[in-house]
Amino acid sequence: MSMKRMHWVAAVSLLMAGTCLAQTTAPATKGELKAGDFVAVCGDSITEQKQYSVIIEEYLLMCQPAANLRTLQAGWSGEQAAGFRGRMADDVLPLKPTVTTTCYGMNDGGYTALSADRAATYRTNTTEIVKKFKEAGVRLIVVGSPGVVDSETFKRGQEVYNETLTKLRDIAAEVAAEQGVVFADVNTPMKDVMAKAKEKWGKNYAVAGGDGVHPGYNGHLVMAYAFLKALGCDGNVGTITVDLATGKADATAGHKVTGSEKGSVSLESTKYPFCFFGEAKDSNSAKGVLEFLPFNEELNRLTLVAKGVDAAKKYRVTWGAANHEFNGAELAKGVNLAAAFADNPFSEAFKKVDAVVRHQQNFETNLTKQMLHGLGQIRAELPGDQATVDAVVEKLAARDKVRADASRAAVEPVTHTVKIEVVE
């Protein structure tokens, strides 16, 4: 099937899905996280890298698109959609997530041109995964596409395999439309960002990793962006408003004004902007792709608005140890502190949360791949003693929740001050 034909089929499928949704009670086709949601992030070795899954969890905990969100990392190295279909009843569903994301296709394509059999197998297994999630009562299901292989570091015919991955993307989109669930296009932004980043940083700047398949932190940020958008995150971390004429200030939920005077406001914040570290040329830093990915603009807005400014004058904004200059018109409209200040008062607190989240997700790899997975065989061997196995599952789930609660508790209030001064 030609690419043009595939896109036409996807469009028709979307229209048909919309008609069906009007007559059924299928899960929502537009992502919307709700307070208390439990998000299971499922996929192959790219998921098990615990990078984009960590970014998703950190975003949900610190940027807080809804209250009291929880995340589970459920990746399995080398897996295809068929593998997850076979294990999900043992490894993920017993933990009772309310939201799930999947990211399969990288291994399903066989690292060569896509055959009709492989395409059909991927479609069937992706469809069955969605159906099993529905049967288990999962409220919000996000079907993610595969990403890309790197145009330089993948040495097994990158053009051919990226065409395969694009075709698998289209199949994932069609399945999501047919099933009335949400689709996350990971492939398109990764392809776009990879081309632009290599043009700036050189062809050896890897976006899909040194092996061409497993991305560095830069590529994982692109993946997380696609999933967070699909989950309905609006990116509004908060707004701080300062009136230079009166000295009054206020802030939105998650940010408490503790003191203010003309040109200065002190705050205590329980919502963090997402923070970035490292050198732009390093693929283990996201800074090299941020100018090509609207993460800050669409998902990471902590906005400073100044009233009583002169549009013709320049102002120096100091936040933490750094300062930047803006004109009055920019401040009146609102500037995004998260984008302007890479090093900011939340940076150290962010790192502390990151350490706790990674500890949690390391445990969850063992939880899903070994502890829970092994219980499937135990159930088969003890058909008359399912209550004992169920009790073990409950205790393991409780141990995971202890770690998830620790990750949430690590998000402690941050005190900080914003100063605005006229540049003489």
Protein backbone atom coordinates (compact mmCIF):
# COMPACT_ATOMS: atom_id res chain seq x y z
CA MET A 1 0.00 0.00 0.00
CA SER A 2 1.38 3.43 -0.92
CA MET A 3 1.97 6.07 1.75
CA LYS A 4 -0.74 8.23 0.17
CA ARG A 5 -3.18 5.31 0.32
CA MET A 6 -2.21 4.54 3.93
CA HIS A 7 -2.87 8.11 5.05
CA TRP A 8 -6.22 8.04 3.22
CA VAL A 9 -7.17 4.81 5.01
CA ALA A 10 -6.15 6.35 8.35
CA ALA A 11 -8.37 9.38 7.67
CA VAL A 12 -11.35 7.18 6.75
CA SER A 13 -10.76 5.09 9.87
CA LEU A 14 -10.84 8.21 12.01
CA LEU A 15 -14.20 9.23 10.51
CA MET A 16 -15.62 5.75 10.99
CA ALA A 17 -14.36 5.63 14.58
CA GLY A 18 -16.08 8.93 15.29
CA THR A 19 -19.39 7.52 14.01
CA CYS A 20 -19.03 4.40 16.14
CA LEU A 21 -18.16 6.38 19.26
CA ALA A 22 -21.47 8.16 19.09
CA GLN A 23 -23.18 4.79 19.54
CA THR A 24 -20.90 3.10 22.10
CA THR A 25 -19.28 3.69 25.48
CA ALA A 26 -15.68 3.25 24.28
CA PRO A 27 -12.89 4.96 26.25
CA ALA A 28 -12.25 8.63 25.57
CA THR A 29 -10.47 9.52 22.32
CA LYS A 30 -9.06 12.71 23.81
CA GLY A 31 -6.56 12.37 26.62
CA GLU A 32 -7.54 13.80 29.98
CA LEU A 33 -5.79 12.87 33.17
CA LYS A 34 -7.87 12.91 36.34
CA ALA A 35 -6.83 13.27 39.96
CA GLY A 36 -5.53 9.99 41.34
CA ASP A 37 -4.88 8.35 37.96
CA PHE A 38 -2.37 5.49 37.84
CA VAL A 39 -0.45 5.51 34.54
CA ALA A 40 1.27 2.33 33.32
CA VAL A 41 4.00 3.01 30.72
CA CYS A 42 4.41 -0.16 28.65
CA GLY A 43 6.85 -0.99 25.86
CA ASP A 44 10.04 -2.72 24.76
CA SER A 45 13.69 -2.09 25.67
CA ILE A 46 13.35 1.60 24.83
CA THR A 47 10.77 1.81 27.61
CA GLU A 48 12.93 -0.33 29.87
CA GLN A 49 15.74 2.22 29.45
CA LYS A 50 13.77 4.18 32.05
CA GLN A 51 14.24 7.53 30.37
CA TYR A 52 11.01 8.66 28.73
CA SER A 53 9.09 6.79 31.43
CA VAL A 54 11.07 8.73 34.06
CA ILE A 55 10.38 12.01 32.25
CA ILE A 56 6.66 11.21 32.16
CA GLU A 57 6.57 10.37 35.87
CA GLU A 58 8.60 13.43 36.84
CA TYR A 59 6.35 15.65 34.77
CA LEU A 60 3.21 14.19 36.33
CA LEU A 61 4.63 14.55 39.86
CA MET A 62 6.23 17.97 39.58
CA CYS A 63 4.35 19.87 36.87
CA GLN A 64 1.09 18.34 38.15
CA PRO A 65 -1.41 18.41 35.28
CA ALA A 66 -3.72 16.70 37.80
CA ALA A 67 -3.40 15.92 41.50
CA ASN A 68 -1.93 12.76 43.03
CA LEU A 69 -0.83 11.05 39.83
CA ARG A 70 1.12 7.79 39.93
CA THR A 71 3.25 6.06 37.29
CA LEU A 72 4.41 2.48 36.65
CA GLN A 73 7.34 1.55 34.39
CA ALA A 74 6.60 -1.72 32.56
CA GLY A 75 9.16 -2.10 29.77
CA TRP A 76 10.65 -5.41 28.61
CA SER A 77 13.83 -5.61 26.54
CA GLY A 78 13.49 -7.12 23.07
CA GLU A 79 9.72 -7.28 23.24
CA GLN A 80 7.22 -7.11 20.39
CA ALA A 81 3.52 -6.35 20.74
CA ALA A 82 2.83 -10.09 20.80
CA GLY A 83 5.03 -10.49 23.86
CA PHE A 84 3.19 -7.82 25.82
CA ARG A 85 -0.17 -9.23 24.75
CA GLY A 86 0.88 -12.53 26.28
CA ARG A 87 2.20 -11.15 29.58
CA MET A 88 0.01 -8.15 30.37
CA ALA A 89 -2.52 -10.18 32.37
CA ASP A 90 0.23 -11.20 34.80
CA ASP A 91 2.62 -8.24 34.79
CA VAL A 92 0.52 -5.07 34.50
CA LEU A 93 -3.22 -5.58 34.84
CA PRO A 94 -3.07 -7.01 38.41
CA LEU A 95 -1.73 -3.60 39.53
CA LYS A 96 -4.97 -1.99 38.25
CA PRO A 97 -3.77 1.04 36.27
CA THR A 98 -6.44 3.50 35.18
CA VAL A 99 -4.35 4.87 32.29
CA THR A 100 -1.97 2.99 29.99
CA THR A 101 0.49 3.90 27.24
CA THR A 102 2.11 1.47 24.81
CA CYS A 103 5.13 1.88 22.56
CA TYR A 104 5.75 -1.08 20.26
CA GLY A 105 6.91 -1.50 16.68
CA MET A 106 10.67 -1.09 16.87
CA ASN A 107 11.19 -4.85 17.15
CA ASP A 108 7.96 -5.80 15.35
CA GLY A 109 9.29 -4.60 12.00
CA GLY A 110 12.17 -7.08 12.01
CA TYR A 111 14.76 -4.37 11.15
CA THR A 112 14.05 -4.72 7.44
CA ALA A 113 11.42 -3.80 4.87
CA LEU A 114 7.94 -4.42 6.27
CA SER A 115 6.33 -7.63 5.07
CA ALA A 116 2.57 -8.11 4.84
CA ASP A 117 2.73 -10.82 7.51
CA ARG A 118 4.61 -8.63 9.99
CA ALA A 119 2.23 -5.74 9.35
CA ALA A 120 -0.79 -7.96 9.94
CA THR A 121 0.73 -9.46 13.10
CA TYR A 122 1.48 -6.02 14.52
CA ARG A 123 -2.06 -4.84 13.75
CA THR A 124 -3.64 -7.90 15.34
CA ASN A 125 -1.58 -7.78 18.51
CA THR A 126 -1.96 -4.04 18.95
CA THR A 127 -5.71 -4.41 18.59
CA GLU A 128 -5.83 -7.27 21.10
CA ILE A 129 -3.76 -5.29 23.61
CA VAL A 130 -6.28 -2.45 23.47
CA LYS A 131 -9.19 -4.87 23.88
CA LYS A 132 -7.57 -6.49 26.92
CA PHE A 133 -7.05 -3.06 28.49
CA LYS A 134 -10.70 -2.23 27.88
CA GLU A 135 -11.84 -5.53 29.40
CA ALA A 136 -9.75 -4.73 32.49
CA GLY A 137 -11.50 -1.38 32.90
CA VAL A 138 -8.61 0.90 31.90
CA ARG A 139 -10.19 4.33 31.46
CA LEU A 140 -7.66 6.04 29.17
CA ILE A 141 -5.62 4.03 26.65
CA VAL A 142 -2.85 5.63 24.58
CA VAL A 143 -1.45 3.64 21.66
CA GLY A 144 2.00 4.99 20.86
CA SER A 145 3.77 4.56 17.55
CA PRO A 146 7.37 3.39 17.27
CA GLY A 147 9.99 6.12 16.97
CA VAL A 148 12.84 6.11 14.45
CA VAL A 149 16.28 4.64 13.96
CA ASP A 150 19.13 7.11 13.78
CA SER A 151 19.99 8.34 10.29
CA GLU A 152 23.72 8.02 11.02
CA THR A 153 24.41 5.54 13.82
CA PHE A 154 22.00 2.82 12.63
CA LYS A 155 24.09 0.77 10.21
CA ARG A 156 21.54 -1.69 8.79
CA GLY A 157 19.74 0.36 6.18
CA GLN A 158 18.24 3.30 8.05
CA GLU A 159 16.15 4.59 5.13
CA VAL A 160 14.47 1.23 4.63
CA TYR A 161 13.80 0.69 8.31
CA ASN A 162 12.54 4.21 8.93
CA GLU A 163 10.05 3.59 6.12
CA THR A 164 9.00 0.41 7.94
CA LEU A 165 8.57 2.32 11.20
CA THR A 166 6.49 4.96 9.44
CA LYS A 167 4.17 2.25 8.10
CA LEU A 168 3.86 0.77 11.59
CA ARG A 169 3.05 4.25 12.87
CA ASP A 170 0.15 4.41 10.43
CA ILE A 171 -1.11 1.01 11.53
CA ALA A 172 -0.99 2.10 15.19
CA ALA A 173 -2.98 5.22 14.28
CA GLU A 174 -5.57 3.13 12.45
CA VAL A 175 -5.95 0.71 15.37
CA ALA A 176 -6.39 3.60 17.82
CA ALA A 177 -9.08 5.13 15.60
CA GLU A 178 -10.88 1.82 15.10
CA GLN A 179 -10.86 1.13 18.84
CA GLY A 180 -11.81 4.64 19.88
CA VAL A 181 -8.68 5.28 21.95
CA VAL A 182 -5.91 7.88 21.89
CA PHE A 183 -2.97 7.78 19.48
CA ALA A 184 0.47 9.19 20.30
CA ASP A 185 2.61 9.89 17.23
CA VAL A 186 6.17 9.36 18.45
CA ASN A 187 7.58 8.81 14.97
CA THR A 188 6.87 12.18 13.34
CA PRO A 189 8.40 14.51 15.96
CA MET A 190 11.44 12.25 16.38
CA LYS A 191 12.03 12.27 12.63
CA ASP A 192 11.65 16.05 12.47
CA VAL A 193 13.80 16.80 15.51
CA MET A 194 16.52 14.38 14.39
CA ALA A 195 16.88 16.08 11.00
CA LYS A 196 17.03 19.59 12.46
CA ALA A 197 19.34 18.69 15.34
CA LYS A 198 21.82 16.95 13.05
CA GLU A 199 21.81 19.94 10.74
CA LYS A 200 22.87 22.14 13.65
CA TRP A 201 25.10 19.81 15.68
CA GLY A 202 26.47 17.58 12.92
CA LYS A 203 25.49 14.18 11.56
CA ASN A 204 27.18 12.35 14.44
CA TYR A 205 24.84 13.97 16.95
CA ALA A 206 22.72 10.91 17.77
CA VAL A 207 19.02 11.30 18.51
CA ALA A 208 18.14 7.60 18.35
CA GLY A 209 21.23 6.58 20.31
CA GLY A 210 24.74 5.37 19.63
CA ASP A 211 23.42 2.00 18.44
CA GLY A 212 20.85 3.74 16.26
CA VAL A 213 17.90 2.24 18.16
CA HIS A 214 18.00 3.22 21.85
CA PRO A 215 17.82 7.03 22.21
CA GLY A 216 19.81 9.17 24.56
CA TYR A 217 17.98 11.53 26.92
CA ASN A 218 17.46 13.93 24.00
CA GLY A 219 15.43 11.41 21.99
CA HIS A 220 13.55 10.28 25.07
CA LEU A 221 12.40 13.84 25.70
CA VAL A 222 10.81 13.83 22.25
CA MET A 223 9.07 10.56 23.08
CA ALA A 224 7.84 11.88 26.41
CA TYR A 225 6.57 15.03 24.68
CA ALA A 226 4.42 12.92 22.34
CA PHE A 227 2.92 10.90 25.19
CA LEU A 228 2.34 13.88 27.52
CA LYS A 229 0.51 15.67 24.73
CA ALA A 230 -1.58 12.56 24.09
CA LEU A 231 -2.40 12.40 27.81
CA GLY A 232 -3.90 15.88 27.51
CA CYS A 233 -1.32 17.87 29.49
CA ASP A 234 -1.84 21.59 28.79
CA GLY A 235 1.58 22.79 29.99
CA ASN A 236 0.35 25.45 32.41
CA VAL A 237 2.69 25.12 35.38
CA GLY A 238 1.61 28.46 36.84
CA THR A 239 1.48 32.23 36.49
CA ILE A 240 3.15 34.82 38.74
CA THR A 241 1.83 38.38 38.43
CA VAL A 242 3.73 41.37 39.81
CA ASP A 243 2.50 44.97 39.83
CA LEU A 244 5.56 47.23 39.79
CA ALA A 245 3.49 50.30 40.65
CA THR A 246 1.79 48.97 43.77
CA GLY A 247 4.16 46.21 44.84
CA LYS A 248 1.32 43.72 44.96
CA ALA A 249 1.73 40.20 43.58
CA ASP A 250 -0.30 37.05 43.21
CA ALA A 251 0.15 33.57 41.80
CA THR A 252 -1.95 30.65 40.61
CA ALA A 253 -2.46 27.32 42.39
CA GLY A 254 0.74 25.56 43.37
CA HIS A 255 2.55 28.86 44.04
CA LYS A 256 2.01 30.85 47.24
CA VAL A 257 3.16 34.47 47.55
CA THR A 258 4.99 34.84 50.87
CA GLY A 259 6.10 38.45 50.41
CA SER A 260 6.19 41.22 47.87
CA GLU A 261 7.37 44.78 47.34
CA LYS A 262 7.90 46.92 44.28
CA GLY A 263 9.82 44.83 41.79
CA SER A 264 10.20 41.76 43.98
CA VAL A 265 8.05 38.77 44.93
CA SER A 266 8.91 35.82 47.16
CA LEU A 267 7.10 32.52 46.74
CA GLU A 268 6.75 29.00 48.03
CA SER A 269 5.96 26.56 45.23
CA THR A 270 4.74 22.97 45.26
CA LYS A 271 4.50 22.81 41.45
CA TYR A 272 7.85 22.75 39.65
CA PRO A 273 8.78 23.70 36.10
CA PHE A 274 10.51 20.86 34.27
CA CYS A 275 14.28 21.35 34.49
CA PHE A 276 17.10 20.50 32.07
CA PHE A 277 20.80 19.88 32.60
CA GLY A 278 24.05 19.21 30.76
CA GLU A 279 25.67 20.48 27.57
CA ALA A 280 23.67 21.03 24.38
CA LYS A 281 26.03 18.95 22.21
CA ASP A 282 25.66 15.93 24.50
CA SER A 283 22.91 13.51 23.45
CA ASN A 284 22.45 12.66 27.12
CA SER A 285 21.16 16.21 27.60
CA ALA A 286 17.89 17.50 26.18
CA LYS A 287 19.23 21.01 25.64
CA GLY A 288 20.39 20.23 22.10
CA VAL A 289 16.85 19.50 20.89
CA LEU A 290 14.77 22.02 22.84
CA GLU A 291 14.92 24.65 20.10
CA PHE A 292 13.43 22.11 17.66
CA LEU A 293 10.78 20.72 20.02
CA PRO A 294 8.01 22.90 21.54
CA PHE A 295 8.30 21.24 24.94
CA ASN A 296 8.71 24.48 26.89
CA GLU A 297 6.10 26.31 24.87
CA GLU A 298 3.43 23.61 25.01
CA LEU A 299 4.20 21.68 28.20
CA ASN A 300 6.40 23.78 30.48
CA ARG A 301 5.08 27.28 31.05
CA LEU A 302 5.81 29.07 34.33
CA THR A 303 4.79 32.56 33.28
CA LEU A 304 5.89 35.85 34.81
CA VAL A 305 3.57 38.79 34.08
CA ALA A 306 4.52 42.33 35.08
CA LYS A 307 2.03 45.17 35.36
CA GLY A 308 2.93 48.85 35.45
CA VAL A 309 5.88 48.48 33.07
CA ASP A 310 7.01 50.90 30.38
CA ALA A 311 6.92 49.10 27.02
CA ALA A 312 9.85 51.16 25.75
CA LYS A 313 12.18 50.28 28.64
CA LYS A 314 14.29 47.22 29.33
CA TYR A 315 14.06 45.29 32.58
CA ARG A 316 16.39 42.86 34.29
CA VAL A 317 14.71 39.81 35.78
CA THR A 318 16.69 37.96 38.43
CA TRP A 319 15.57 34.49 39.44
CA GLY A 320 17.88 32.56 41.67
CA ALA A 321 21.52 33.10 40.65
CA ALA A 322 20.76 34.06 37.04
CA ASN A 323 19.32 37.12 35.34
CA HIS A 324 18.03 37.99 31.86
CA GLU A 325 16.79 41.16 30.22
CA PHE A 326 13.36 41.66 28.64
CA ASN A 327 11.57 44.69 27.29
CA GLY A 328 8.45 46.04 28.93
CA ALA A 329 6.16 44.71 26.23
CA GLU A 330 7.45 41.17 26.74
CA LEU A 331 6.92 41.36 30.50
CA ALA A 332 3.44 42.78 30.11
CA LYS A 333 2.52 39.90 27.82
CA GLY A 334 4.26 37.35 30.03
CA VAL A 335 7.63 35.58 29.80
CA ASN A 336 8.17 31.88 30.36
CA LEU A 337 10.64 31.57 33.23
CA ALA A 338 11.07 27.84 32.60
CA ALA A 339 12.33 28.49 29.06
CA ALA A 340 14.44 31.56 29.84
CA PHE A 341 16.20 30.18 32.95
CA ALA A 342 17.66 26.71 32.39
CA ASP A 343 19.45 27.02 35.74
CA ASN A 344 16.83 28.11 38.25
CA PRO A 345 15.83 27.74 41.92
CA PHE A 346 14.07 24.43 41.21
CA SER A 347 17.09 22.70 39.69
CA GLU A 348 18.50 21.09 42.83
CA ALA A 349 15.09 20.02 44.12
CA PHE A 350 14.35 18.52 40.69
CA LYS A 351 17.52 16.41 40.86
CA LYS A 352 16.50 15.02 44.25
CA VAL A 353 13.11 13.94 42.92
CA ASP A 354 14.80 12.38 39.88
CA ALA A 355 16.90 10.12 42.13
CA VAL A 356 13.84 8.85 44.00
CA VAL A 357 11.84 8.26 40.81
CA ARG A 358 14.67 6.25 39.27
CA HIS A 359 14.88 4.13 42.41
CA GLN A 360 11.17 3.43 42.11
CA GLN A 361 11.30 2.54 38.42
CA ASN A 362 14.32 0.27 38.91
CA PHE A 363 12.22 -1.70 41.38
CA GLU A 364 9.32 -1.82 38.90
CA THR A 365 11.48 -3.48 36.27
CA ASN A 366 12.08 -6.34 38.69
CA LEU A 367 8.47 -6.23 39.85
CA THR A 368 6.97 -6.71 36.38
CA LYS A 369 9.64 -8.85 34.69
CA GLN A 370 10.38 -11.22 37.55
CA MET A 371 8.08 -11.10 40.56
CA LEU A 372 4.69 -10.69 38.90
CA HIS A 373 5.65 -12.47 35.70
CA GLY A 374 6.63 -15.58 37.63
CA LEU A 375 3.25 -15.73 39.36
CA GLY A 376 1.62 -16.80 36.11
CA GLN A 377 3.35 -20.18 36.35
CA ILE A 378 2.52 -20.44 40.04
CA ARG A 379 -1.18 -19.92 39.28
CA ALA A 380 -1.03 -22.72 36.73
CA GLU A 381 0.61 -25.06 39.22
CA LEU A 382 -1.78 -24.20 42.08
CA PRO A 383 -5.21 -24.02 40.45
CA GLY A 384 -6.95 -24.58 43.77
CA ASP A 385 -5.07 -21.94 45.73
CA GLN A 386 -5.58 -18.73 43.80
CA ALA A 387 -6.30 -16.77 46.98
CA THR A 388 -2.71 -17.22 48.11
CA VAL A 389 -1.36 -15.94 44.81
CA ASP A 390 -3.78 -13.01 44.90
CA ALA A 391 -2.52 -12.14 48.38
CA VAL A 392 1.07 -12.07 47.09
CA VAL A 393 0.03 -9.77 44.23
CA GLU A 394 -1.62 -7.41 46.72
CA LYS A 395 1.49 -7.30 48.88
CA LEU A 396 3.76 -6.64 45.90
CA ALA A 397 1.41 -3.89 44.71
CA ALA A 398 1.58 -2.37 48.19
CA ARG A 399 5.38 -2.41 48.10
CA ASP A 400 5.33 -0.60 44.78
CA LYS A 401 2.92 1.99 46.16
CA VAL A 402 5.30 2.66 49.04
CA ARG A 403 7.96 3.60 46.49
CA ALA A 404 5.51 5.65 44.43
CA ASP A 405 4.44 7.52 47.57
CA ALA A 406 8.10 8.24 48.31
CA SER A 407 8.51 9.70 44.83
CA ARG A 408 5.52 11.99 45.40
CA ALA A 409 6.75 12.97 48.87
CA ALA A 410 10.13 13.97 47.39
CA VAL A 411 8.40 16.91 45.68
CA GLU A 412 8.95 19.32 48.56
CA PRO A 413 8.05 23.03 48.51
CA VAL A 414 10.67 25.30 46.94
CA THR A 415 11.14 28.87 48.14
CA HIS A 416 12.33 31.40 45.57
CA THR A 417 12.32 35.09 44.71
CA VAL A 418 11.78 36.92 41.43
CA LYS A 419 13.15 40.46 41.07
CA ILE A 420 12.38 42.94 38.29
CA GLU A 421 14.52 46.05 37.85
CA VAL A 422 14.73 48.74 35.21
CA VAL A 423 17.94 48.57 33.22
CA GLU A 424 19.49 52.06 33.46
